[in-house]
Structures are given as structure tokens and as C-alpha cells.
Amino acid sequence: MRTLCFLLLLNFSLFSQEIKLPNNIVHSLEVNDVIKFFTKKEIYNVKLENYEISEAKTFNNNGFDIEDYIPLIINKYIYFIHKSSGLVLKLTNNELIRIDNSYDHKLQMWSSIFNYKNNIYRFGGYGFFSARNFILKYDFETNEWEYVKLQNTDKPTPRFDSSFILKEDKLIIIGGVTVDKLNANKKKPLKDSWIFSFKELSWKKVATSNYFKSFNSSFFILNKQIGAISNDKVYLYDYDKKQIKTHELNPLLLKYNSKHKIYYFNNLLHFVIRRNNDELVLLSRTKKEFFGNPIKTDSIGNRQKIIIRAIMLLIALVIIYFLVYFGNEILYKIVVYKNDLYFRNNTVSLTKDELRVVKEFIKKNLHLENQRLQEILYKNQYDRSHNIRLKNNFVSSLNSKFQYILKNNNTNFIKVEKSSYDKRYKNYYLDFKQKLVVERSRPPYLYFIYLFISFLLVIVLWFLLENQSIIFPI
């Protein structure tokens, strides 16, 4: 029984450890298997392998309040970068010295500060009622901040208090806060994610999701996933799979001190809590212990892209159908528009009487009784025989215009046939073989042009969607 109890206690001690920290800790920094905890004048090292804390190592802060700075390790040296300005401190020979030639402008509060290839970078920030969306790099030769020039014009919305993660040569920014364009006193949470390529020096939008409103600078990294704690829930964003996992909040995390990062090492999560007795404690928990019950897993962008693709494909198919339809109309139909006849690239104008007769032909399915034609063309000032001559000349003239637009001078397109009811009467009909005569409110080529432009727009939108410049929200 004692052996069993010992094994249970041993197992718990292996996976769930804790260590009391000094109450005046202001910063923490993970370096391999060690978390460095900083007071304003001391450094404590906690080895994560055995949860042993070192003796305090004092340093001279030269009057600098490091609580206003972010610590980074660059080439084995500890640097402190001011949270809102260009000040840079270096810890050397147990003394903090200022090395920059910048100034305390207070224009980049809550910016994202990070180490990429042993260089100091910062993105975004807030100051003087506005947010930033540029990247700065600290130049160790001039000890000044340099603007990182871009190779494209796409840029994220200016922001601060964002989550971020570095993956190879890419910086991924998630969420954050921006300033309302109409009211500088109002802040707006952002729900998008962008990726910056250090090789290409360009930004590209990755995804948009309401989940990203919960991501801020109090994030943590877990197996290349980025985590956030908000609204009594824990969110894990997997950038590669484009998935968000939602967990219930473990009651233990209600006491989590967000001033200190959550670190993941050796399959354990290490984080700082402040207990009811005001003790500051570093804890380690397994993922199962750390996270509450899983709630759901959602894809980011994929479902919306499928829906948008389907809609765009349907629109494209409809446009193609009408392109074929109006293309066929241009090729095989004689179109009446206002006072003109159109066929392919040919156009001819019609008189009022010609237009009236052509419309009558269309109305009567290309057939017209002689009597009706005479009624349309009849002139009271002339006798019957002269009106017949005018009618015959009219038919000949109209036929010539059909010959002109159809480029065929050897065919009579207006033909005569005897009435099936009375052989003494005759009818006129239009004989265009497979061609039809139709009336339109616009020239047929305009329909075709409009549809072709619409089709090109669909292609452009599809291209933007596939390149993730536009991704619709969950």
C-alpha cells in the first residue's frame, strides 16, 4: 500500500510541479530549458527539468525601470526594449546600459517585439490616438531603428496588442486592436490574420475569423500553435491546418498572471499564478490538466471558401451561358435596335415605315399578309395602283438592306407566297434560313461586352480568393 501511494505521489510530482517565486517579479524569459525571472534589480533562473530556482543575481539598473521594457536574448546577451519607444538597454557586466540613439517617443505602445535571426524587430503599436502597421528593425551598427521597406503595397490594418508567432522566415500576426477611423477615442478589436515574409518583404492576408478577436499580446505558443485565453475559454489556433480548437477554461487559469508568458517545455505547460494569499507561484501542468474539456474544432476560411467558390462557379456558368447565347445572337440573329438593323459587324439604318414593317414581321413570326403590308404603307394622297408601286419599291428597298447587312446581293430575303386560304391573296415572309430577327433594347454587342467584363471580374475575384487576399469570416 505504501509503495502504491509512493508511486502515485511520484507520478504527480513528475507531471505537476510548482515553485514559489519572489512577489516582486516583473518579467520572465525562456532560454532553452530555463525560465529567467526578473525583478527590477535581480535575476532568478528556474531549471524546468527539476524545478530548482537559483540564488538571486543582482545587477545595476542605472535607474531604468525594466517593468517598462520587454526582455530578449540576442547572441546570448539580454536586451531590454522599451514597450512604447525606441529605447534599447543591454545587460552587460551585471549593469544595464542604454545603447540606442533613439528617443522616448511613446508612439509604439503594445507593439509586437521579437527576435528574428538575432536581430530585434517590432511591429505595430499605439500612440497619440493612432495605431501603426509598419515593421522596424534595430541596427546594431548605427544603434538606430530602421524602417523595413516592403516589396508590395498590401499591408495589414494598423494595430497593437496583437498575438504573433514566427515560423521559419515568416511572421504571422493575429488579431489585436486598432483605432476607430471616425472616433480616435474608440478602440476596435480586429478579426484578421496576416503573414509577413522576411525573404519577399511582403505582407499577405491569411484568414479572417471572429475567433481572432480573442487573441492579444497575452498569447502562448504550444507545439507551433498559438493560444489565447478569453471569455472563460482557451483557444488554440493551428496555422498549418487553419483550425481553431476551443476548450473550457480550467478553473486553475482564473488565477493565471497574464504579465508572464505561458511556456511549453518537455510536454508540460509552465505558467505563473497569484494565489489568494498573494503568493506568486510557477506551476507546471500537462496539456490534459491545463486545458478544460474540449468544446469544438472549427476550420478557418475553408468552409467559406468552398461556399464562395460554389457561388462564383455558378455565376461563372450563368455568365458563360449568356455569353454563348448573345454570342450566338451576334453570329446568327438579325437584331433590331432603335432605328437600326444589326448583324455581326454590319449595321444599317431603317426608315420609320421600314422599322414598323420589320417589327410587324417579328410579331407575326416572320410572315406578313399583303393586305396588312398595304395598310401600313398606304398613302391617302395616292391612288391604289400608285400605292402598289410604292409598296413594291418599299419591299425592294428593304430587301436591299437585308442583302447589305447579310453580305449577300444574290438572294431575295423577302419572298412572296400565296395564301393558304385564298390563292388570290399573297403573303410576304422573311427567308433567312437558320437566322432569326429579334428586337432588343440594347445593341447585342453591348450585352456581350457587359457579360465578358463580368466574367473577367469573376476570374479576378477567384484569383484573389485563391491567393488569400480575400477570405471571408466564419
Protein backbone atom coordinates (compact mmCIF):
# COMPACT_ATOMS: atom_id res chain seq x y z
CA MET A 1 0.00 0.00 0.00
CA ARG A 2 2.82 2.39 0.88
CA THR A 3 4.54 1.53 -2.41
CA LEU A 4 1.38 2.35 -4.33
CA CYS A 5 0.97 5.68 -2.55
CA PHE A 6 4.63 6.49 -3.21
CA LEU A 7 4.24 5.74 -6.93
CA LEU A 8 1.13 7.92 -7.15
CA LEU A 9 2.88 10.80 -5.43
CA LEU A 10 5.94 10.34 -7.62
CA ASN A 11 3.81 10.34 -10.76
CA PHE A 12 2.05 13.53 -9.69
CA SER A 13 5.33 15.22 -8.83
CA LEU A 14 6.73 14.35 -12.24
CA PHE A 15 3.89 15.94 -14.17
CA SER A 16 2.57 18.64 -11.83
CA GLN A 17 5.24 20.75 -10.15
CA GLU A 18 5.30 24.17 -8.57
CA ILE A 19 7.76 26.58 -7.09
CA LYS A 20 7.29 29.77 -5.12
CA LEU A 21 8.63 32.95 -6.74
CA PRO A 22 9.54 36.32 -5.28
CA ASN A 23 6.48 38.57 -5.22
CA ASN A 24 8.24 41.44 -6.99
CA ILE A 25 8.85 39.59 -10.28
CA VAL A 26 8.14 41.91 -13.24
CA HIS A 27 9.30 39.86 -16.25
CA SER A 28 10.07 36.34 -17.40
CA LEU A 29 12.06 34.99 -20.35
CA GLU A 30 12.54 31.40 -21.53
CA VAL A 31 16.03 30.38 -22.64
CA ASN A 32 16.16 26.72 -23.69
CA ASP A 33 15.30 24.73 -20.51
CA VAL A 34 15.49 27.74 -18.17
CA ILE A 35 13.00 30.48 -17.35
CA LYS A 36 14.64 33.69 -16.24
CA PHE A 37 12.57 35.75 -13.80
CA PHE A 38 13.43 39.41 -13.36
CA THR A 39 12.77 41.78 -10.54
CA LYS A 40 13.83 45.36 -11.08
CA LYS A 41 17.34 44.57 -9.83
CA GLU A 42 17.63 40.77 -9.74
CA ILE A 43 17.54 37.69 -11.95
CA TYR A 44 16.36 34.24 -10.85
CA ASN A 45 16.84 31.14 -13.00
CA VAL A 46 14.39 28.26 -12.79
CA LYS A 47 15.51 24.99 -14.41
CA LEU A 48 12.47 23.34 -15.90
CA GLU A 49 13.97 19.87 -15.71
CA ASN A 50 13.93 19.76 -11.91
CA TYR A 51 12.13 22.98 -10.91
CA GLU A 52 15.06 24.36 -8.97
CA ILE A 53 15.39 28.10 -8.51
CA SER A 54 18.78 29.75 -8.36
CA GLU A 55 20.03 32.34 -5.94
CA ALA A 56 19.29 35.91 -6.94
CA LYS A 57 21.81 37.51 -9.27
CA THR A 58 21.78 41.27 -8.77
CA PHE A 59 22.52 43.86 -11.42
CA ASN A 60 22.75 47.62 -11.53
CA ASN A 61 19.72 49.00 -13.39
CA ASN A 62 21.18 52.53 -13.53
CA GLY A 63 17.77 53.96 -12.73
CA PHE A 64 15.97 52.24 -15.64
CA ASP A 65 12.62 50.72 -14.72
CA ILE A 66 12.69 47.41 -16.61
CA GLU A 67 8.98 46.92 -16.00
CA ASP A 68 8.54 49.32 -18.95
CA TYR A 69 10.67 47.08 -21.18
CA ILE A 70 10.48 43.69 -22.93
CA PRO A 71 13.46 41.32 -22.42
CA LEU A 72 15.01 39.46 -25.36
CA ILE A 73 18.03 37.22 -25.81
CA ILE A 74 20.25 38.27 -28.74
CA ASN A 75 23.53 36.41 -29.25
CA LYS A 76 23.47 35.25 -25.60
CA TYR A 77 23.10 38.82 -24.31
CA ILE A 78 19.97 40.08 -22.57
CA TYR A 79 18.45 43.21 -24.06
CA PHE A 80 15.51 45.24 -22.82
CA ILE A 81 13.41 47.02 -25.47
CA HIS A 82 11.12 49.78 -24.32
CA LYS A 83 7.44 48.86 -24.70
CA SER A 84 6.44 52.15 -26.31
CA SER A 85 9.56 53.87 -27.65
CA GLY A 86 12.94 53.29 -29.27
CA LEU A 87 14.99 52.89 -26.08
CA VAL A 88 17.20 49.76 -26.01
CA LEU A 89 19.14 48.57 -22.94
CA LYS A 90 21.84 45.92 -22.81
CA LEU A 91 22.75 43.89 -19.72
CA THR A 92 26.49 43.59 -19.69
CA ASN A 93 28.82 43.01 -16.76
CA ASN A 94 25.80 42.98 -14.44
CA GLU A 95 24.90 46.51 -15.47
CA LEU A 96 22.15 47.92 -17.65
CA ILE A 97 23.40 50.41 -20.21
CA ARG A 98 21.47 52.27 -22.85
CA ILE A 99 22.87 51.61 -26.33
CA ASP A 100 20.38 53.26 -28.72
CA ASN A 101 20.46 56.65 -30.40
CA SER A 102 16.69 56.86 -30.43
CA TYR A 103 14.30 58.77 -28.18
CA ASP A 104 11.39 58.09 -25.84
CA HIS A 105 8.59 58.98 -28.29
CA LYS A 106 5.83 56.86 -26.68
CA LEU A 107 4.34 56.09 -30.12
CA GLN A 108 4.56 52.28 -30.13
CA MET A 109 2.83 51.06 -27.00
CA TRP A 110 1.76 47.39 -27.12
CA SER A 111 3.80 46.75 -30.25
CA SER A 112 4.91 43.20 -31.08
CA ILE A 113 8.62 42.92 -30.20
CA PHE A 114 10.59 39.83 -31.26
CA ASN A 115 13.94 38.33 -32.19
CA TYR A 116 14.43 37.13 -35.77
CA LYS A 117 17.86 35.77 -36.66
CA ASN A 118 19.47 37.59 -33.75
CA ASN A 119 18.02 40.93 -34.74
CA ILE A 120 15.44 42.99 -32.85
CA TYR A 121 12.20 43.76 -34.66
CA ARG A 122 8.95 45.38 -33.68
CA PHE A 123 5.62 45.63 -35.47
CA GLY A 124 2.66 47.95 -34.94
CA GLY A 125 1.97 49.87 -31.77
CA TYR A 126 -0.19 52.71 -30.48
CA GLY A 127 0.49 56.32 -29.62
CA PHE A 128 -1.08 59.76 -29.92
CA PHE A 129 -4.54 58.44 -30.84
CA SER A 130 -3.31 56.32 -33.76
CA ALA A 131 -2.01 52.83 -34.48
CA ARG A 132 0.93 51.64 -36.61
CA ASN A 133 1.26 48.93 -39.27
CA PHE A 134 4.96 49.02 -40.15
CA ILE A 135 7.94 46.90 -39.09
CA LEU A 136 11.09 48.39 -37.58
CA LYS A 137 14.48 46.70 -37.27
CA TYR A 138 17.15 47.73 -34.78
CA ASP A 139 20.51 48.38 -36.45
CA PHE A 140 23.31 47.37 -34.06
CA GLU A 141 25.89 49.33 -36.09
CA THR A 142 24.12 52.70 -36.00
CA ASN A 143 22.11 51.84 -32.86
CA GLU A 144 19.04 53.25 -34.54
CA TRP A 145 15.70 51.83 -35.67
CA GLU A 146 15.32 51.35 -39.41
CA TYR A 147 12.06 51.07 -41.35
CA VAL A 148 11.70 47.71 -43.13
CA LYS A 149 10.85 48.54 -46.74
CA LEU A 150 8.17 46.46 -48.44
CA GLN A 151 8.07 44.99 -51.93
CA ASN A 152 4.29 45.20 -52.23
CA THR A 153 1.54 47.63 -51.25
CA ASP A 154 -0.65 45.23 -49.25
CA LYS A 155 -0.44 45.94 -45.53
CA PRO A 156 -2.49 44.93 -42.50
CA THR A 157 -4.74 47.35 -40.70
CA PRO A 158 -2.69 49.40 -38.19
CA ARG A 159 -2.85 47.59 -34.85
CA PHE A 160 -1.42 46.96 -31.40
CA ASP A 161 -1.77 44.35 -28.63
CA SER A 162 -1.60 41.51 -31.21
CA SER A 163 -0.66 37.86 -30.96
CA PHE A 164 2.17 36.68 -33.19
CA ILE A 165 4.28 33.66 -34.00
CA LEU A 166 7.48 33.18 -36.01
CA LYS A 167 7.58 30.23 -38.41
CA GLU A 168 10.83 29.86 -40.34
CA ASP A 169 11.18 33.10 -42.36
CA LYS A 170 7.64 34.29 -41.71
CA LEU A 171 5.94 36.44 -39.10
CA ILE A 172 2.26 35.68 -38.50
CA ILE A 173 0.20 38.41 -36.85
CA ILE A 174 -3.19 37.52 -35.34
CA GLY A 175 -5.90 39.83 -34.09
CA GLY A 176 -5.10 42.83 -31.95
CA VAL A 177 -6.77 46.22 -31.64
CA THR A 178 -6.98 49.25 -33.92
CA VAL A 179 -8.27 52.81 -33.60
CA ASP A 180 -11.69 53.67 -34.97
CA LYS A 181 -11.29 55.84 -38.08
CA LEU A 182 -14.21 58.07 -37.11
CA ASN A 183 -13.52 58.27 -33.37
CA ALA A 184 -9.90 58.21 -32.25
CA ASN A 185 -11.00 57.62 -28.65
CA LYS A 186 -12.64 54.33 -29.61
CA LYS A 187 -10.73 51.05 -29.99
CA LYS A 188 -11.86 48.17 -32.22
CA PRO A 189 -10.79 44.52 -31.92
CA LEU A 190 -9.53 43.04 -35.17
CA LYS A 191 -10.50 39.64 -36.55
CA ASP A 192 -7.90 39.06 -39.25
CA SER A 193 -4.51 37.40 -39.57
CA TRP A 194 -1.61 38.42 -41.82
CA ILE A 195 1.68 36.83 -42.74
CA PHE A 196 4.91 38.72 -43.44
CA SER A 197 7.69 37.08 -45.45
CA PHE A 198 11.17 38.26 -44.49
CA LYS A 199 12.51 36.81 -47.76
CA GLU A 200 9.98 38.51 -50.03
CA LEU A 201 9.48 41.54 -47.76
CA SER A 202 5.76 41.42 -48.38
CA TRP A 203 2.51 41.02 -46.47
CA LYS A 204 -0.35 38.70 -47.35
CA LYS A 205 -3.69 38.24 -45.67
CA VAL A 206 -4.07 34.74 -44.24
CA ALA A 207 -7.55 34.48 -42.79
CA THR A 208 -10.44 36.29 -41.15
CA SER A 209 -12.37 34.89 -38.20
CA ASN A 210 -14.35 36.23 -35.26
CA TYR A 211 -12.21 33.93 -33.11
CA PHE A 212 -9.22 36.21 -33.72
CA LYS A 213 -10.88 38.97 -31.68
CA SER A 214 -9.90 36.91 -28.62
CA PHE A 215 -6.16 36.96 -29.48
CA ASN A 216 -3.97 39.64 -27.92
CA SER A 217 -0.43 40.10 -26.61
CA SER A 218 -1.08 37.69 -23.69
CA PHE A 219 -0.76 34.70 -26.01
CA PHE A 220 1.23 31.49 -25.63
CA ILE A 221 2.88 29.05 -28.03
CA LEU A 222 2.15 25.32 -27.88
CA ASN A 223 3.69 22.95 -30.43
CA LYS A 224 3.73 25.66 -33.11
CA GLN A 225 0.13 26.52 -32.26
CA ILE A 226 -0.77 29.88 -30.83
CA GLY A 227 -3.07 30.05 -27.83
CA ALA A 228 -5.31 32.66 -26.24
CA ILE A 229 -7.34 32.81 -23.04
CA SER A 230 -10.53 34.87 -23.29
CA ASN A 231 -14.19 34.79 -22.26
CA ASP A 232 -13.68 31.81 -19.94
CA LYS A 233 -12.35 29.76 -22.83
CA VAL A 234 -8.98 28.68 -24.20
CA TYR A 235 -8.41 28.90 -27.96
CA LEU A 236 -5.68 27.13 -29.91
CA TYR A 237 -5.01 28.25 -33.48
CA ASP A 238 -3.17 25.83 -35.77
CA TYR A 239 -1.86 27.95 -38.63
CA ASP A 240 -0.85 25.00 -40.83
CA LYS A 241 -4.22 23.24 -40.55
CA LYS A 242 -6.19 26.51 -40.41
CA GLN A 243 -8.09 25.24 -37.39
CA ILE A 244 -9.28 26.71 -34.09
CA LYS A 245 -9.78 24.40 -31.12
CA THR A 246 -11.92 25.69 -28.27
CA HIS A 247 -11.61 24.35 -24.71
CA GLU A 248 -13.36 25.16 -21.49
CA LEU A 249 -11.27 27.26 -19.12
CA ASN A 250 -9.66 25.27 -16.35
CA PRO A 251 -10.59 26.95 -13.01
CA LEU A 252 -6.88 26.98 -12.18
CA LEU A 253 -6.30 29.50 -15.00
CA LEU A 254 -8.62 32.02 -13.36
CA LYS A 255 -5.60 32.87 -11.21
CA TYR A 256 -3.20 32.97 -14.18
CA ASN A 257 -0.98 36.05 -14.13
CA SER A 258 -1.01 37.34 -17.72
CA LYS A 259 2.02 39.53 -17.06
CA HIS A 260 4.09 36.39 -17.51
CA LYS A 261 4.04 34.16 -20.59
CA ILE A 262 2.91 30.55 -20.61
CA TYR A 263 5.85 28.34 -21.65
CA TYR A 264 5.77 24.85 -23.12
CA PHE A 265 8.70 22.54 -22.42
CA ASN A 266 9.10 18.78 -22.13
CA ASN A 267 5.37 18.15 -22.73
CA LEU A 268 4.43 20.42 -19.83
CA LEU A 269 2.94 23.89 -19.70
CA HIS A 270 4.62 26.25 -17.25
CA PHE A 271 2.77 29.34 -16.05
CA VAL A 272 2.59 31.76 -13.15
CA ILE A 273 -0.43 32.23 -10.88
CA ARG A 274 -1.09 34.53 -7.95
CA ARG A 275 -2.80 32.74 -5.10
CA ASN A 276 -5.31 34.16 -2.69
CA ASN A 277 -2.58 34.74 -0.11
CA ASP A 278 -0.80 36.89 -2.77
CA GLU A 279 1.91 34.27 -3.32
CA LEU A 280 3.40 34.18 -6.81
CA VAL A 281 3.86 30.55 -7.90
CA LEU A 282 5.24 28.89 -11.02
CA LEU A 283 3.25 25.76 -11.90
CA SER A 284 3.66 23.00 -14.45
CA ARG A 285 0.74 21.02 -15.83
CA THR A 286 0.19 18.51 -18.58
CA LYS A 287 -1.96 19.53 -21.53
CA LYS A 288 -4.76 17.40 -20.14
CA GLU A 289 -4.51 19.15 -16.78
CA PHE A 290 -4.08 22.60 -18.29
CA PHE A 291 -6.97 22.57 -20.73
CA GLY A 292 -10.56 22.10 -19.75
CA ASN A 293 -12.94 19.89 -21.69
CA PRO A 294 -12.78 20.35 -25.48
CA ILE A 295 -15.79 22.18 -26.89
CA LYS A 296 -15.32 22.17 -30.66
CA THR A 297 -12.91 22.43 -33.58
CA ASP A 298 -13.61 24.87 -36.41
CA SER A 299 -11.89 25.36 -39.73
CA ILE A 300 -10.80 28.87 -40.57
CA GLY A 301 -11.70 30.01 -44.06
CA ASN A 302 -12.08 26.56 -45.70
CA ARG A 303 -15.85 26.27 -45.34
CA GLN A 304 -16.37 29.81 -46.50
CA LYS A 305 -14.03 29.35 -49.43
CA ILE A 306 -15.97 26.30 -50.57
CA ILE A 307 -19.25 28.23 -50.39
CA ILE A 308 -17.78 31.25 -52.16
CA ARG A 309 -16.20 29.02 -54.81
CA ALA A 310 -19.53 27.32 -55.44
CA ILE A 311 -21.36 30.65 -55.75
CA MET A 312 -18.67 32.09 -58.02
CA LEU A 313 -18.66 28.94 -60.15
CA LEU A 314 -22.43 29.13 -60.52
CA ILE A 315 -22.19 32.81 -61.50
CA ALA A 316 -19.43 31.96 -63.99
CA LEU A 317 -21.55 29.20 -65.55
CA VAL A 318 -24.54 31.55 -65.88
CA ILE A 319 -22.31 34.19 -67.47
CA ILE A 320 -20.83 31.61 -69.86
CA TYR A 321 -24.34 30.51 -70.82
CA PHE A 322 -25.38 34.07 -71.68
CA LEU A 323 -22.03 34.73 -73.39
CA VAL A 324 -22.79 31.78 -75.66
CA TYR A 325 -26.39 32.94 -76.04
CA PHE A 326 -25.54 36.52 -77.02
CA GLY A 327 -22.51 35.37 -78.97
CA ASN A 328 -24.87 33.17 -80.92
CA GLU A 329 -27.21 36.16 -81.30
CA ILE A 330 -24.40 38.25 -82.75
CA LEU A 331 -23.42 35.48 -85.15
CA TYR A 332 -26.82 34.15 -86.21
CA LYS A 333 -29.50 36.71 -85.39
CA ILE A 334 -30.53 39.92 -87.08
CA VAL A 335 -31.18 42.37 -84.25
CA VAL A 336 -33.43 45.40 -84.38
CA TYR A 337 -32.32 48.18 -82.04
CA LYS A 338 -33.97 51.59 -82.21
CA ASN A 339 -33.84 52.53 -85.93
CA ASP A 340 -31.01 50.16 -86.87
CA LEU A 341 -30.53 46.60 -88.07
CA TYR A 342 -27.51 44.71 -86.71
CA PHE A 343 -25.89 41.54 -87.96
CA ARG A 344 -22.39 40.73 -86.75
CA ASN A 345 -20.28 43.81 -87.56
CA ASN A 346 -22.75 45.27 -90.04
CA THR A 347 -25.33 47.95 -89.34
CA VAL A 348 -27.93 49.67 -91.47
CA SER A 349 -30.49 52.36 -90.59
CA LEU A 350 -34.21 51.94 -91.19
CA THR A 351 -36.90 54.46 -92.06
CA LYS A 352 -39.94 54.71 -89.81
CA ASP A 353 -42.02 52.63 -92.23
CA GLU A 354 -39.25 50.03 -92.57
CA LEU A 355 -38.91 49.78 -88.81
CA ARG A 356 -42.68 49.39 -88.43
CA VAL A 357 -42.80 46.64 -91.07
CA VAL A 358 -39.82 44.75 -89.61
CA LYS A 359 -41.42 44.83 -86.17
CA GLU A 360 -44.65 43.54 -87.73
CA PHE A 361 -42.70 40.68 -89.33
CA ILE A 362 -41.21 39.82 -85.88
CA LYS A 363 -44.65 39.97 -84.31
CA LYS A 364 -46.15 37.65 -86.98
CA ASN A 365 -43.32 35.09 -86.84
CA LEU A 366 -41.62 36.50 -89.98
CA HIS A 367 -44.85 36.33 -92.05
CA LEU A 368 -46.94 39.30 -93.17
CA GLU A 369 -50.13 39.41 -95.22
CA ASN A 370 -50.09 41.61 -98.30
CA GLN A 371 -53.18 43.44 -97.12
CA ARG A 372 -51.55 44.26 -93.79
CA LEU A 373 -48.44 45.49 -95.54
CA GLN A 374 -50.53 47.74 -97.75
CA GLU A 375 -52.33 49.13 -94.72
CA ILE A 376 -49.04 50.08 -93.13
CA LEU A 377 -47.70 51.73 -96.26
CA TYR A 378 -50.89 53.19 -97.69
CA LYS A 379 -50.79 56.89 -98.60
CA ASN A 380 -54.14 58.61 -98.91
CA GLN A 381 -52.96 61.11 -101.50
CA TYR A 382 -52.20 58.37 -104.00
CA ASP A 383 -54.49 56.02 -105.87
CA ARG A 384 -54.45 52.24 -105.48
CA SER A 385 -52.09 51.47 -108.35
CA HIS A 386 -49.56 54.03 -107.19
CA ASN A 387 -49.69 52.67 -103.65
CA ILE A 388 -48.99 49.20 -105.05
CA ARG A 389 -45.95 50.58 -106.87
CA LEU A 390 -44.79 52.28 -103.63
CA LYS A 391 -45.24 49.02 -101.77
CA ASN A 392 -43.20 47.07 -104.33
CA ASN A 393 -40.43 49.69 -104.23
CA PHE A 394 -40.52 49.54 -100.42
CA VAL A 395 -40.13 45.74 -100.42
CA SER A 396 -37.24 46.01 -102.87
CA SER A 397 -35.53 48.69 -100.74
CA LEU A 398 -35.95 46.74 -97.52
CA ASN A 399 -34.68 43.60 -99.20
CA SER A 400 -31.59 45.53 -100.31
CA LYS A 401 -30.89 46.48 -96.72
CA PHE A 402 -31.14 42.83 -95.67
CA GLN A 403 -28.75 41.97 -98.52
CA TYR A 404 -26.34 44.63 -97.27
CA ILE A 405 -26.10 43.52 -93.67
CA LEU A 406 -26.03 39.84 -94.69
CA LYS A 407 -23.42 40.50 -97.41
CA ASN A 408 -25.43 38.61 -100.00
CA ASN A 409 -26.67 40.53 -103.04
CA ASN A 410 -27.86 37.47 -104.96
CA THR A 411 -30.67 36.43 -102.64
CA ASN A 412 -34.12 37.87 -102.12
CA PHE A 413 -34.75 37.61 -98.40
CA ILE A 414 -38.30 38.97 -98.62
CA LYS A 415 -40.29 36.35 -100.51
CA VAL A 416 -43.88 36.00 -101.64
CA GLU A 417 -46.21 33.06 -101.20
CA LYS A 418 -49.89 32.51 -101.98
CA SER A 419 -52.33 32.48 -99.11
CA SER A 420 -53.36 29.01 -97.97
CA TYR A 421 -56.89 30.30 -97.53
CA ASP A 422 -57.35 32.07 -100.82
CA LYS A 423 -55.00 31.68 -103.78
CA ARG A 424 -55.87 35.15 -104.98
CA TYR A 425 -54.15 36.66 -101.98
CA LYS A 426 -50.46 36.60 -101.26
CA ASN A 427 -48.29 36.84 -98.17
CA TYR A 428 -44.76 38.05 -97.61
CA TYR A 429 -42.29 36.19 -95.46
CA LEU A 430 -38.63 36.59 -94.47
CA ASP A 431 -36.43 33.73 -95.51
CA PHE A 432 -33.20 33.87 -93.51
CA LYS A 433 -32.66 30.10 -93.32
CA GLN A 434 -31.38 29.50 -89.75
CA LYS A 435 -31.22 33.19 -88.87
CA LEU A 436 -33.84 34.92 -86.74
CA VAL A 437 -34.90 38.53 -86.43
CA VAL A 438 -35.27 39.83 -82.87
CA GLU A 439 -35.80 43.19 -81.22
CA ARG A 440 -33.55 44.30 -78.35
CA SER A 441 -33.40 47.30 -76.03
CA ARG A 442 -29.61 47.44 -76.50
CA PRO A 443 -27.24 46.51 -79.30
CA PRO A 444 -26.27 42.83 -78.96
CA TYR A 445 -22.57 43.57 -78.69
CA LEU A 446 -23.21 45.60 -75.50
CA TYR A 447 -24.74 42.57 -73.80
CA PHE A 448 -21.72 40.57 -74.84
CA ILE A 449 -19.26 43.20 -73.57
CA TYR A 450 -21.05 43.53 -70.22
CA LEU A 451 -21.06 39.78 -69.74
CA PHE A 452 -17.43 39.44 -70.80
CA ILE A 453 -16.36 42.11 -68.29
CA SER A 454 -18.43 40.35 -65.60
CA PHE A 455 -16.71 37.08 -66.46
CA LEU A 456 -13.29 38.73 -66.12
CA LEU A 457 -14.31 40.13 -62.72
CA VAL A 458 -15.30 36.65 -61.56
CA ILE A 459 -11.88 35.34 -62.66
CA VAL A 460 -10.12 38.18 -60.79
CA LEU A 461 -12.15 37.52 -57.62
CA TRP A 462 -11.40 33.82 -57.87
CA PHE A 463 -7.69 34.61 -58.23
CA LEU A 464 -7.80 36.89 -55.17
CA LEU A 465 -9.64 34.22 -53.19
CA GLU A 466 -7.13 31.52 -54.08
CA ASN A 467 -4.26 33.83 -53.15
CA GLN A 468 -5.99 34.52 -49.82
CA SER A 469 -6.17 38.26 -50.35
CA ILE A 470 -9.86 37.89 -49.58
CA ILE A 471 -11.01 35.31 -47.07
CA PHE A 472 -14.48 35.59 -45.67
CA PRO A 473 -15.20 35.38 -41.96
CA ILE A 474 -16.53 32.47 -40.04
